[in-house]
């Protein structure tokens, strides 16, 4: 059972009794838990988000399934075939990678090099068959709904005279996120969904085909994102967010180094802390509306793909204001 917000330990208190690794939330959420931070989305969080809907505006946070093109990280571009029969059409998707565009990383997506998957599960526990652990179906069966807070870091940095360089290793610190939220007069509550706009999708849509092909090549590429330091993991945990999603490829700054725990923020966020991470969320239209009306909060809903054992899902996300 998840502990009430008032009893949540701080990051620096996690794992200090030696029962779990340092910086690890497994005991906080309960050793049978497979939801991680998504379990923070209580009915109260849903009602708080719903109460912010005042003008009936709906924003899709889903980039085209055809983007980025070519696909990144060795994934393949989706192949779409339309089949005709006597009564209409049907779709066939081949080489469909649910994490090729706007996406969620399930808790089965990343394995810590020393401690395994979330809750200490190992490869033999991630089967995709009945009894499998940590699959995306755990989030799909309950749905994701609550209050969102958008931090438009791209606009904040532009106004500060330090525009983000999306195609470079521009690391955004949590101090900058805090400054952005303060400037927007936004406040995070436990159970919020934090959306981070870095401006990466806007940048990608403006670059030429040659640059896009280079990003999809075998070499690790540079991209802006959250700093990989433990301070970032500490801040995300201590804020108590239910999920954090960015409009960049990996949430964290790139290139990352999976051979080193300190070189890959995912290791701390997913297997140790159970944090729900979203990537390549389409946030530009939402950000423009938030800037216009000065309200950076609203209702967030997402229905991940209900696939037993899935490592991730298309985002299937909406923001409502």
C-alpha atoms as a PDB file:
ATOM      1  CA  UNK A   1       0.000   0.000   0.000  1.00  0.00           C
ATOM      2  CA  UNK A   2       1.287   3.455  -0.908  1.00  0.00           C
ATOM      3  CA  UNK A   3       2.018   5.664   2.066  1.00  0.00           C
ATOM      4  CA  UNK A   4       0.078   8.933   2.399  1.00  0.00           C
ATOM      5  CA  UNK A   5       1.860  12.000   1.055  1.00  0.00           C
ATOM      6  CA  UNK A   6       2.491  13.268   4.581  1.00  0.00           C
ATOM      7  CA  UNK A   7       4.409  10.092   5.390  1.00  0.00           C
ATOM      8  CA  UNK A   8       6.429   9.803   2.195  1.00  0.00           C
ATOM      9  CA  UNK A   9      10.118   9.614   3.032  1.00  0.00           C
ATOM     10  CA  UNK A  10      12.457  12.041   1.349  1.00  0.00           C
ATOM     11  CA  UNK A  11      14.790  10.721  -1.314  1.00  0.00           C
ATOM     12  CA  UNK A  12      17.773  10.772   1.013  1.00  0.00           C
ATOM     13  CA  UNK A  13      15.880   8.526   3.440  1.00  0.00           C
ATOM     14  CA  UNK A  14      15.195   5.811   0.863  1.00  0.00           C
ATOM     15  CA  UNK A  15      17.021   2.560   1.491  1.00  0.00           C
ATOM     16  CA  UNK A  16      18.849   3.746   4.582  1.00  0.00           C
ATOM     17  CA  UNK A  17      17.820   0.640   6.557  1.00  0.00           C
ATOM     18  CA  UNK A  18      19.623  -1.678   4.147  1.00  0.00           C
ATOM     19  CA  UNK A  19      16.537  -3.670   3.102  1.00  0.00           C
ATOM     20  CA  UNK A  20      16.558  -2.177  -0.381  1.00  0.00           C
ATOM     21  CA  UNK A  21      19.211  -0.273  -2.349  1.00  0.00           C
ATOM     22  CA  UNK A  22      19.832   3.370  -1.548  1.00  0.00           C
ATOM     23  CA  UNK A  23      17.553   5.711  -3.457  1.00  0.00           C
ATOM     24  CA  UNK A  24      14.993   2.933  -3.907  1.00  0.00           C
ATOM     25  CA  UNK A  25      11.208   3.216  -3.408  1.00  0.00           C
ATOM     26  CA  UNK A  26      10.223  -0.456  -3.359  1.00  0.00           C
ATOM     27  CA  UNK A  27       9.310  -0.518   0.337  1.00  0.00           C
ATOM     28  CA  UNK A  28       7.408   2.766   0.069  1.00  0.00           C
ATOM     29  CA  UNK A  29       5.039   1.488  -2.589  1.00  0.00           C
ATOM     30  CA  UNK A  30       4.915  -2.050  -1.179  1.00  0.00           C
ATOM     31  CA  UNK A  31       6.851  -5.070  -2.401  1.00  0.00           C
ATOM     32  CA  UNK A  32       3.907  -6.376  -4.462  1.00  0.00           C
ATOM     33  CA  UNK A  33       3.422  -3.060  -6.259  1.00  0.00           C
ATOM     34  CA  UNK A  34       3.675  -2.880 -10.057  1.00  0.00           C
ATOM     35  CA  UNK A  35       2.293   0.635 -10.550  1.00  0.00           C
ATOM     36  CA  UNK A  36       5.117   2.739  -9.164  1.00  0.00           C
ATOM     37  CA  UNK A  37       4.409   6.466  -9.171  1.00  0.00           C
ATOM     38  CA  UNK A  38       1.167   6.008 -11.138  1.00  0.00           C
ATOM     39  CA  UNK A  39      -0.326   4.713  -7.884  1.00  0.00           C
ATOM     40  CA  UNK A  40      -0.147   8.277  -6.547  1.00  0.00           C
ATOM     41  CA  UNK A  41      -3.092   9.194  -8.779  1.00  0.00           C
ATOM     42  CA  UNK A  42      -5.852   9.040  -6.186  1.00  0.00           C
ATOM     43  CA  UNK A  43      -9.519   9.932  -6.789  1.00  0.00           C
ATOM     44  CA  UNK A  44      -8.654  13.291  -5.250  1.00  0.00           C
ATOM     45  CA  UNK A  45      -6.051  13.877  -7.961  1.00  0.00           C
ATOM     46  CA  UNK A  46      -8.612  13.078 -10.645  1.00  0.00           C
ATOM     47  CA  UNK A  47     -11.131  15.478  -9.133  1.00  0.00           C
ATOM     48  CA  UNK A  48      -8.469  18.182  -8.794  1.00  0.00           C
ATOM     49  CA  UNK A  49      -7.680  17.869 -12.480  1.00  0.00           C
ATOM     50  CA  UNK A  50     -11.324  17.814 -13.522  1.00  0.00           C
ATOM     51  CA  UNK A  51     -12.030  20.970 -11.507  1.00  0.00           C
ATOM     52  CA  UNK A  52      -9.609  22.884 -13.744  1.00  0.00           C
ATOM     53  CA  UNK A  53     -11.610  22.303 -16.931  1.00  0.00           C
ATOM     54  CA  UNK A  54     -13.247  25.674 -17.556  1.00  0.00           C
ATOM     55  CA  UNK A  55     -13.299  26.386 -21.296  1.00  0.00           C
ATOM     56  CA  UNK A  56     -13.659  22.958 -22.877  1.00  0.00           C
ATOM     57  CA  UNK A  57     -10.335  23.064 -24.728  1.00  0.00           C
ATOM     58  CA  UNK A  58      -8.796  19.693 -25.647  1.00  0.00           C
ATOM     59  CA  UNK A  59      -5.176  19.198 -26.692  1.00  0.00           C
ATOM     60  CA  UNK A  60      -3.798  16.001 -28.178  1.00  0.00           C
ATOM     61  CA  UNK A  61      -0.311  15.349 -26.819  1.00  0.00           C
ATOM     62  CA  UNK A  62       0.357  12.702 -29.454  1.00  0.00           C
ATOM     63  CA  UNK A  63       2.902  13.299 -32.199  1.00  0.00           C
ATOM     64  CA  UNK A  64       2.279  11.535 -35.499  1.00  0.00           C
ATOM     65  CA  UNK A  65       3.099   7.810 -35.499  1.00  0.00           C
ATOM     66  CA  UNK A  66       5.167   8.620 -38.596  1.00  0.00           C
ATOM     67  CA  UNK A  67       7.508  10.816 -36.539  1.00  0.00           C
ATOM     68  CA  UNK A  68      10.375  10.935 -35.999  1.00  0.00           C
ATOM     69  CA  UNK A  69      11.312   9.684 -39.440  1.00  0.00           C
ATOM     70  CA  UNK A  70      13.640   7.818 -39.656  1.00  0.00           C
ATOM     71  CA  UNK A  71      12.964   6.279 -36.255  1.00  0.00           C
ATOM     72  CA  UNK A  72      15.508   6.741 -33.452  1.00  0.00           C
ATOM     73  CA  UNK A  73      17.445   4.331 -31.212  1.00  0.00           C
ATOM     74  CA  UNK A  74      17.544   1.523 -33.775  1.00  0.00           C
ATOM     75  CA  UNK A  75      13.777   1.228 -33.992  1.00  0.00           C
ATOM     76  CA  UNK A  76      12.049   0.936 -37.348  1.00  0.00           C
ATOM     77  CA  UNK A  77       9.591   3.221 -39.059  1.00  0.00           C
ATOM     78  CA  UNK A  78       6.029   1.937 -38.988  1.00  0.00           C
ATOM     79  CA  UNK A  79       4.730   0.310 -42.180  1.00  0.00           C
ATOM     80  CA  UNK A  80       1.049   0.919 -42.828  1.00  0.00           C
ATOM     81  CA  UNK A  81      -0.973  -1.140 -45.274  1.00  0.00           C
ATOM     82  CA  UNK A  82      -4.623  -0.367 -46.005  1.00  0.00           C
ATOM     83  CA  UNK A  83      -6.581  -3.496 -46.895  1.00  0.00           C
ATOM     84  CA  UNK A  84      -9.768  -3.192 -48.937  1.00  0.00           C
ATOM     85  CA  UNK A  85     -12.666  -5.629 -48.896  1.00  0.00           C
ATOM     86  CA  UNK A  86     -16.236  -5.514 -50.146  1.00  0.00           C
ATOM     87  CA  UNK A  87     -17.437  -3.410 -47.225  1.00  0.00           C
ATOM     88  CA  UNK A  88     -14.539  -1.046 -46.569  1.00  0.00           C
ATOM     89  CA  UNK A  89     -10.983  -0.995 -45.259  1.00  0.00           C
ATOM     90  CA  UNK A  90      -8.788  -2.382 -42.519  1.00  0.00           C
ATOM     91  CA  UNK A  91      -5.286  -1.487 -41.305  1.00  0.00           C
ATOM     92  CA  UNK A  92      -2.170  -3.608 -40.996  1.00  0.00           C
ATOM     93  CA  UNK A  93       0.756  -2.141 -39.066  1.00  0.00           C
ATOM     94  CA  UNK A  94       4.091  -3.895 -39.566  1.00  0.00           C
ATOM     95  CA  UNK A  95       7.287  -3.093 -37.652  1.00  0.00           C
ATOM     96  CA  UNK A  96       5.201  -1.120 -35.176  1.00  0.00           C
ATOM     97  CA  UNK A  97       7.304   0.044 -32.231  1.00  0.00           C
ATOM     98  CA  UNK A  98       4.944   1.530 -29.612  1.00  0.00           C
ATOM     99  CA  UNK A  99       7.859   3.610 -28.297  1.00  0.00           C
ATOM    100  CA  UNK A 100       8.868   5.090 -31.639  1.00  0.00           C
ATOM    101  CA  UNK A 101       6.889   8.337 -31.191  1.00  0.00           C
ATOM    102  CA  UNK A 102       5.007   9.875 -28.224  1.00  0.00           C
ATOM    103  CA  UNK A 103       5.390   7.157 -25.624  1.00  0.00           C
ATOM    104  CA  UNK A 104       5.335   5.811 -22.100  1.00  0.00           C
ATOM    105  CA  UNK A 105       8.150   3.675 -20.682  1.00  0.00           C
ATOM    106  CA  UNK A 106       6.647   0.889 -18.580  1.00  0.00           C
ATOM    107  CA  UNK A 107       8.399  -0.330 -15.439  1.00  0.00           C
ATOM    108  CA  UNK A 108       9.561  -3.336 -17.480  1.00  0.00           C
ATOM    109  CA  UNK A 109      11.502  -1.090 -19.861  1.00  0.00           C
ATOM    110  CA  UNK A 110      14.759  -0.557 -17.962  1.00  0.00           C
ATOM    111  CA  UNK A 111      16.895  -2.932 -15.907  1.00  0.00           C
ATOM    112  CA  UNK A 112      19.375  -1.540 -13.382  1.00  0.00           C
ATOM    113  CA  UNK A 113      22.837  -3.068 -13.961  1.00  0.00           C
ATOM    114  CA  UNK A 114      23.167  -4.142 -10.312  1.00  0.00           C
ATOM    115  CA  UNK A 115      19.641  -4.357  -8.907  1.00  0.00           C
ATOM    116  CA  UNK A 116      17.532  -5.564 -11.817  1.00  0.00           C
ATOM    117  CA  UNK A 117      14.109  -4.288 -12.748  1.00  0.00           C
ATOM    118  CA  UNK A 118      11.698  -2.458 -10.436  1.00  0.00           C
ATOM    119  CA  UNK A 119      11.086  -4.450  -7.238  1.00  0.00           C
ATOM    120  CA  UNK A 120      14.196  -6.506  -8.004  1.00  0.00           C
ATOM    121  CA  UNK A 121      12.596  -8.565 -10.753  1.00  0.00           C
ATOM    122  CA  UNK A 122      14.926 -10.218 -13.261  1.00  0.00           C
ATOM    123  CA  UNK A 123      14.729 -11.086 -16.941  1.00  0.00           C
ATOM    124  CA  UNK A 124      13.001 -14.402 -16.262  1.00  0.00           C
ATOM    125  CA  UNK A 125      10.121 -12.467 -14.660  1.00  0.00           C
ATOM    126  CA  UNK A 126       9.507 -10.368 -17.789  1.00  0.00           C
ATOM    127  CA  UNK A 127       7.923 -12.941 -20.101  1.00  0.00           C
ATOM    128  CA  UNK A 128       4.930 -11.325 -21.780  1.00  0.00           C
ATOM    129  CA  UNK A 129       2.898 -14.368 -20.752  1.00  0.00           C
ATOM    130  CA  UNK A 130       0.457 -14.862 -17.846  1.00  0.00           C
ATOM    131  CA  UNK A 131       2.349 -14.158 -14.639  1.00  0.00           C
ATOM    132  CA  UNK A 132       4.666 -11.645 -16.301  1.00  0.00           C
ATOM    133  CA  UNK A 133       5.686  -8.638 -14.218  1.00  0.00           C
ATOM    134  CA  UNK A 134       5.725  -4.867 -14.649  1.00  0.00           C
ATOM    135  CA  UNK A 135       4.050  -4.743 -18.067  1.00  0.00           C
ATOM    136  CA  UNK A 136       2.203  -1.729 -19.419  1.00  0.00           C
ATOM    137  CA  UNK A 137      -1.112  -3.495 -18.732  1.00  0.00           C
ATOM    138  CA  UNK A 138      -0.770  -2.487 -15.079  1.00  0.00           C
ATOM    139  CA  UNK A 139      -1.202   1.159 -16.045  1.00  0.00           C
ATOM    140  CA  UNK A 140      -3.663   0.416 -18.842  1.00  0.00           C
ATOM    141  CA  UNK A 141      -6.068  -1.443 -16.570  1.00  0.00           C
ATOM    142  CA  UNK A 142      -6.430   1.552 -14.227  1.00  0.00           C
ATOM    143  CA  UNK A 143      -5.894   4.395 -16.693  1.00  0.00           C
ATOM    144  CA  UNK A 144      -3.896   7.552 -16.045  1.00  0.00           C
ATOM    145  CA  UNK A 145      -5.845  10.644 -15.035  1.00  0.00           C
ATOM    146  CA  UNK A 146      -5.165  13.641 -12.841  1.00  0.00           C
ATOM    147  CA  UNK A 147      -3.907  17.200 -12.777  1.00  0.00           C
ATOM    148  CA  UNK A 148      -1.121  18.275 -15.111  1.00  0.00           C
ATOM    149  CA  UNK A 149       1.348  21.090 -14.679  1.00  0.00           C
ATOM    150  CA  UNK A 150       3.237  22.243 -17.756  1.00  0.00           C
ATOM    151  CA  UNK A 151       6.703  23.729 -17.328  1.00  0.00           C
ATOM    152  CA  UNK A 152       7.430  25.560 -20.579  1.00  0.00           C
ATOM    153  CA  UNK A 153      11.180  25.553 -20.146  1.00  0.00           C
ATOM    154  CA  UNK A 154      11.833  26.454 -23.784  1.00  0.00           C
ATOM    155  CA  UNK A 155       9.934  29.732 -23.450  1.00  0.00           C
ATOM    156  CA  UNK A 156      11.418  30.405 -20.003  1.00  0.00           C
ATOM    157  CA  UNK A 157      14.983  30.007 -21.263  1.00  0.00           C
ATOM    158  CA  UNK A 158      14.221  32.137 -24.322  1.00  0.00           C
ATOM    159  CA  UNK A 159      12.897  34.937 -22.120  1.00  0.00           C
ATOM    160  CA  UNK A 160      15.970  34.658 -19.888  1.00  0.00           C
ATOM    161  CA  UNK A 161      18.200  35.218 -22.917  1.00  0.00           C
ATOM    162  CA  UNK A 162      19.541  31.648 -22.827  1.00  0.00           C
ATOM    163  CA  UNK A 163      17.562  29.769 -25.485  1.00  0.00           C
ATOM    164  CA  UNK A 164      17.711  25.987 -25.300  1.00  0.00           C
ATOM    165  CA  UNK A 165      19.806  24.316 -27.989  1.00  0.00           C
ATOM    166  CA  UNK A 166      17.602  21.272 -28.730  1.00  0.00           C
ATOM    167  CA  UNK A 167      20.157  19.503 -30.923  1.00  0.00           C
ATOM    168  CA  UNK A 168      22.969  19.863 -28.403  1.00  0.00           C
ATOM    169  CA  UNK A 169      23.692  18.332 -24.994  1.00  0.00           C
ATOM    170  CA  UNK A 170      21.947  21.197 -23.219  1.00  0.00           C
ATOM    171  CA  UNK A 171      21.315  19.874 -19.696  1.00  0.00           C
ATOM    172  CA  UNK A 172      18.418  21.514 -17.847  1.00  0.00           C
ATOM    173  CA  UNK A 173      18.843  21.488 -14.081  1.00  0.00           C
ATOM    174  CA  UNK A 174      16.054  21.115 -11.558  1.00  0.00           C
ATOM    175  CA  UNK A 175      16.854  24.626 -10.346  1.00  0.00           C
ATOM    176  CA  UNK A 176      15.877  25.856 -13.801  1.00  0.00           C
ATOM    177  CA  UNK A 177      12.667  23.835 -13.676  1.00  0.00           C
ATOM    178  CA  UNK A 178      11.874  25.409 -10.307  1.00  0.00           C
ATOM    179  CA  UNK A 179      12.602  28.884 -11.678  1.00  0.00           C
ATOM    180  CA  UNK A 180      10.352  28.213 -14.657  1.00  0.00           C
ATOM    181  CA  UNK A 181       7.493  27.057 -12.436  1.00  0.00           C
ATOM    182  CA  UNK A 182       7.898  30.096 -10.183  1.00  0.00           C
ATOM    183  CA  UNK A 183       7.854  32.452 -13.157  1.00  0.00           C
ATOM    184  CA  UNK A 184       4.644  30.801 -14.367  1.00  0.00           C
ATOM    185  CA  UNK A 185       3.199  30.988 -10.836  1.00  0.00           C
ATOM    186  CA  UNK A 186       2.752  27.204 -10.993  1.00  0.00           C
ATOM    187  CA  UNK A 187       2.910  24.902  -7.995  1.00  0.00           C
ATOM    188  CA  UNK A 188       3.420  21.152  -8.033  1.00  0.00           C
ATOM    189  CA  UNK A 189       1.330  18.942  -5.776  1.00  0.00           C
ATOM    190  CA  UNK A 190       1.852  15.287  -4.907  1.00  0.00           C
ATOM    191  CA  UNK A 191       0.238  13.194  -7.633  1.00  0.00           C
ATOM    192  CA  UNK A 192       0.603  15.767 -10.424  1.00  0.00           C
ATOM    193  CA  UNK A 193       1.657  14.858 -13.954  1.00  0.00           C
ATOM    194  CA  UNK A 194       4.588  17.118 -14.836  1.00  0.00           C
ATOM    195  CA  UNK A 195       4.941  18.011 -18.518  1.00  0.00           C
ATOM    196  CA  UNK A 196       8.273  19.496 -19.610  1.00  0.00           C
ATOM    197  CA  UNK A 197       8.493  21.382 -22.888  1.00  0.00           C
ATOM    198  CA  UNK A 198      12.073  21.691 -24.102  1.00  0.00           C
ATOM    199  CA  UNK A 199      11.181  22.638 -27.689  1.00  0.00           C
ATOM    200  CA  UNK A 200      12.762  19.523 -29.206  1.00  0.00           C
ATOM    201  CA  UNK A 201       9.797  18.497 -31.392  1.00  0.00           C
ATOM    202  CA  UNK A 202       9.466  22.037 -32.746  1.00  0.00           C
ATOM    203  CA  UNK A 203      13.179  21.968 -33.599  1.00  0.00           C
ATOM    204  CA  UNK A 204      12.996  18.499 -35.183  1.00  0.00           C
ATOM    205  CA  UNK A 205      10.141  19.484 -37.469  1.00  0.00           C
ATOM    206  CA  UNK A 206      12.288  22.312 -38.863  1.00  0.00           C
ATOM    207  CA  UNK A 207      15.516  20.390 -39.609  1.00  0.00           C
ATOM    208  CA  UNK A 208      16.274  18.845 -42.998  1.00  0.00           C
ATOM    209  CA  UNK A 209      16.210  15.187 -44.023  1.00  0.00           C
ATOM    210  CA  UNK A 210      19.977  14.892 -43.814  1.00  0.00           C
ATOM    211  CA  UNK A 211      20.026  15.914 -40.163  1.00  0.00           C
ATOM    212  CA  UNK A 212      17.110  13.597 -39.401  1.00  0.00           C
ATOM    213  CA  UNK A 213      18.964  10.677 -40.960  1.00  0.00           C
ATOM    214  CA  UNK A 214      22.057  11.511 -38.924  1.00  0.00           C
ATOM    215  CA  UNK A 215      20.054  11.414 -35.690  1.00  0.00           C
ATOM    216  CA  UNK A 216      18.775   7.957 -36.644  1.00  0.00           C
ATOM    217  CA  UNK A 217      22.261   6.642 -37.388  1.00  0.00           C
ATOM    218  CA  UNK A 218      24.367   4.270 -35.284  1.00  0.00           C
ATOM    219  CA  UNK A 219      26.194   7.032 -33.404  1.00  0.00           C
ATOM    220  CA  UNK A 220      24.720   8.351 -30.173  1.00  0.00           C
ATOM    221  CA  UNK A 221      23.249  11.759 -30.831  1.00  0.00           C
ATOM    222  CA  UNK A 222      23.013  14.912 -28.760  1.00  0.00           C
ATOM    223  CA  UNK A 223      19.711  16.295 -27.504  1.00  0.00           C
ATOM    224  CA  UNK A 224      18.593  18.620 -24.752  1.00  0.00           C
ATOM    225  CA  UNK A 225      16.944  17.263 -21.622  1.00  0.00           C
ATOM    226  CA  UNK A 226      17.046  16.993 -17.867  1.00  0.00           C
ATOM    227  CA  UNK A 227      20.476  16.821 -16.272  1.00  0.00           C
ATOM    228  CA  UNK A 228      21.460  13.235 -15.463  1.00  0.00           C
ATOM    229  CA  UNK A 229      22.583  13.994 -11.909  1.00  0.00           C
ATOM    230  CA  UNK A 230      21.191  12.320  -8.814  1.00  0.00           C
ATOM    231  CA  UNK A 231      19.826  15.757  -7.897  1.00  0.00           C
ATOM    232  CA  UNK A 232      17.301  15.331 -10.715  1.00  0.00           C
ATOM    233  CA  UNK A 233      16.096  11.989  -9.352  1.00  0.00           C
ATOM    234  CA  UNK A 234      15.968  13.457  -5.844  1.00  0.00           C
ATOM    235  CA  UNK A 235      13.883  16.430  -7.003  1.00  0.00           C
ATOM    236  CA  UNK A 236      11.416  14.274  -8.962  1.00  0.00           C
ATOM    237  CA  UNK A 237      10.911  11.950  -5.987  1.00  0.00           C
ATOM    238  CA  UNK A 238      10.640  14.689  -3.384  1.00  0.00           C
ATOM    239  CA  UNK A 239       8.067  16.565  -5.501  1.00  0.00           C
ATOM    240  CA  UNK A 240       5.916  13.417  -5.543  1.00  0.00           C
ATOM    241  CA  UNK A 241       4.923  13.607  -9.196  1.00  0.00           C
ATOM    242  CA  UNK A 242       2.841  10.723 -10.537  1.00  0.00           C
ATOM    243  CA  UNK A 243       4.529  10.965 -13.936  1.00  0.00           C
ATOM    244  CA  UNK A 244       6.973  13.187 -15.781  1.00  0.00           C
ATOM    245  CA  UNK A 245       6.974  13.544 -19.562  1.00  0.00           C
ATOM    246  CA  UNK A 246       8.970  15.675 -21.968  1.00  0.00           C
ATOM    247  CA  UNK A 247       8.850  16.546 -25.656  1.00  0.00           C
ATOM    248  CA  UNK A 248      12.369  15.206 -26.244  1.00  0.00           C
ATOM    249  CA  UNK A 249      13.561  11.679 -27.103  1.00  0.00           C
ATOM    250  CA  UNK A 250      14.743  10.485 -23.682  1.00  0.00           C
ATOM    251  CA  UNK A 251      13.521  13.015 -21.084  1.00  0.00           C
ATOM    252  CA  UNK A 252      17.160  13.281 -19.986  1.00  0.00           C
ATOM    253  CA  UNK A 253      19.996  14.990 -21.825  1.00  0.00           C
ATOM    254  CA  UNK A 254      21.791  13.025 -24.526  1.00  0.00           C
ATOM    255  CA  UNK A 255      24.007  11.259 -25.297  1.00  0.00           C
ATOM    256  CA  UNK A 256      23.596   9.072 -22.228  1.00  0.00           C
ATOM    257  CA  UNK A 257      25.877   6.218 -21.176  1.00  0.00           C
ATOM    258  CA  UNK A 258      24.042   3.000 -20.171  1.00  0.00           C
ATOM    259  CA  UNK A 259      27.331   1.472 -19.004  1.00  0.00           C
ATOM    260  CA  UNK A 260      27.395   3.838 -16.017  1.00  0.00           C
ATOM    261  CA  UNK A 261      24.667   4.341 -13.399  1.00  0.00           C
ATOM    262  CA  UNK A 262      25.610   8.016 -13.239  1.00  0.00           C
ATOM    263  CA  UNK A 263      25.474   8.236 -17.025  1.00  0.00           C
ATOM    264  CA  UNK A 264      21.847   7.176 -17.458  1.00  0.00           C
ATOM    265  CA  UNK A 265      19.128   8.849 -15.381  1.00  0.00           C
ATOM    266  CA  UNK A 266      16.654   6.146 -16.410  1.00  0.00           C
ATOM    267  CA  UNK A 267      18.400   3.717 -14.021  1.00  0.00           C
ATOM    268  CA  UNK A 268      17.453   5.801 -11.000  1.00  0.00           C
ATOM    269  CA  UNK A 269      14.003   6.845 -12.176  1.00  0.00           C
ATOM    270  CA  UNK A 270      12.493   3.591 -13.447  1.00  0.00           C
ATOM    271  CA  UNK A 271      13.912   0.477 -11.710  1.00  0.00           C
ATOM    272  CA  UNK A 272      14.793   2.145  -8.406  1.00  0.00           C
ATOM    273  CA  UNK A 273      12.078   4.780  -7.975  1.00  0.00           C
ATOM    274  CA  UNK A 274       9.283   3.353 -10.147  1.00  0.00           C
ATOM    275  CA  UNK A 275       8.767   6.669 -11.923  1.00  0.00           C
ATOM    276  CA  UNK A 276       6.432   6.822 -14.920  1.00  0.00           C
ATOM    277  CA  UNK A 277       8.337   8.477 -17.770  1.00  0.00           C
ATOM    278  CA  UNK A 278       6.928   9.862 -21.001  1.00  0.00           C
ATOM    279  CA  UNK A 279       8.940  10.951 -24.031  1.00  0.00           C
ATOM    280  CA  UNK A 280       8.296  12.864 -27.247  1.00  0.00           C
ATOM    281  CA  UNK A 281       4.943  14.193 -26.010  1.00  0.00           C
ATOM    282  CA  UNK A 282       3.627  16.862 -28.387  1.00  0.00           C
ATOM    283  CA  UNK A 283       3.350  19.924 -26.151  1.00  0.00           C
ATOM    284  CA  UNK A 284       3.632  22.915 -28.480  1.00  0.00           C
ATOM    285  CA  UNK A 285      -0.086  23.655 -28.932  1.00  0.00           C
ATOM    286  CA  UNK A 286      -0.769  23.221 -25.225  1.00  0.00           C
ATOM    287  CA  UNK A 287       2.134  25.519 -24.356  1.00  0.00           C
ATOM    288  CA  UNK A 288       0.852  28.219 -26.705  1.00  0.00           C
ATOM    289  CA  UNK A 289      -2.569  28.122 -25.056  1.00  0.00           C
ATOM    290  CA  UNK A 290      -1.059  28.184 -21.564  1.00  0.00           C
ATOM    291  CA  UNK A 291       1.008  31.235 -22.453  1.00  0.00           C
ATOM    292  CA  UNK A 292      -2.075  32.958 -23.864  1.00  0.00           C
ATOM    293  CA  UNK A 293      -4.325  32.472 -20.842  1.00  0.00           C
ATOM    294  CA  UNK A 294      -1.644  32.263 -18.148  1.00  0.00           C
ATOM    295  CA  UNK A 295      -2.912  28.910 -16.833  1.00  0.00           C
ATOM    296  CA  UNK A 296      -0.365  26.106 -16.927  1.00  0.00           C
ATOM    297  CA  UNK A 297      -2.532  23.501 -15.199  1.00  0.00           C
ATOM    298  CA  UNK A 298      -5.434  21.340 -16.275  1.00  0.00           C
ATOM    299  CA  UNK A 299      -6.754  17.805 -16.603  1.00  0.00           C
ATOM    300  CA  UNK A 300      -4.519  15.047 -17.963  1.00  0.00           C
ATOM    301  CA  UNK A 301      -5.789  11.702 -19.247  1.00  0.00           C
ATOM    302  CA  UNK A 302      -4.041   8.798 -20.939  1.00  0.00           C
ATOM    303  CA  UNK A 303      -5.076   5.274 -21.897  1.00  0.00           C
ATOM    304  CA  UNK A 304      -1.912   3.207 -22.479  1.00  0.00           C
ATOM    305  CA  UNK A 305      -2.122   0.176 -24.744  1.00  0.00           C
ATOM    306  CA  UNK A 306      -3.489  -2.804 -22.826  1.00  0.00           C
ATOM    307  CA  UNK A 307      -0.827  -5.330 -23.805  1.00  0.00           C
ATOM    308  CA  UNK A 308       0.258  -8.006 -21.354  1.00  0.00           C
ATOM    309  CA  UNK A 309       3.930  -7.567 -20.551  1.00  0.00           C
ATOM    310  CA  UNK A 310       4.398  -4.525 -22.774  1.00  0.00           C
ATOM    311  CA  UNK A 311       7.636  -2.564 -22.324  1.00  0.00           C
ATOM    312  CA  UNK A 312       5.880   0.644 -23.238  1.00  0.00           C
ATOM    313  CA  UNK A 313       2.995   2.234 -25.074  1.00  0.00           C
ATOM    314  CA  UNK A 314       2.023   5.010 -27.367  1.00  0.00           C
ATOM    315  CA  UNK A 315       1.145   8.014 -25.206  1.00  0.00           C
ATOM    316  CA  UNK A 316      -2.574   8.163 -26.073  1.00  0.00           C
ATOM    317  CA  UNK A 317      -2.671  11.337 -23.994  1.00  0.00           C
ATOM    318  CA  UNK A 318      -4.913  14.401 -23.836  1.00  0.00           C
ATOM    319  CA  UNK A 319      -4.794  17.634 -21.879  1.00  0.00           C
ATOM    320  CA  UNK A 320      -8.051  19.441 -21.099  1.00  0.00           C
ATOM    321  CA  UNK A 321      -8.549  23.015 -19.909  1.00  0.00           C
END
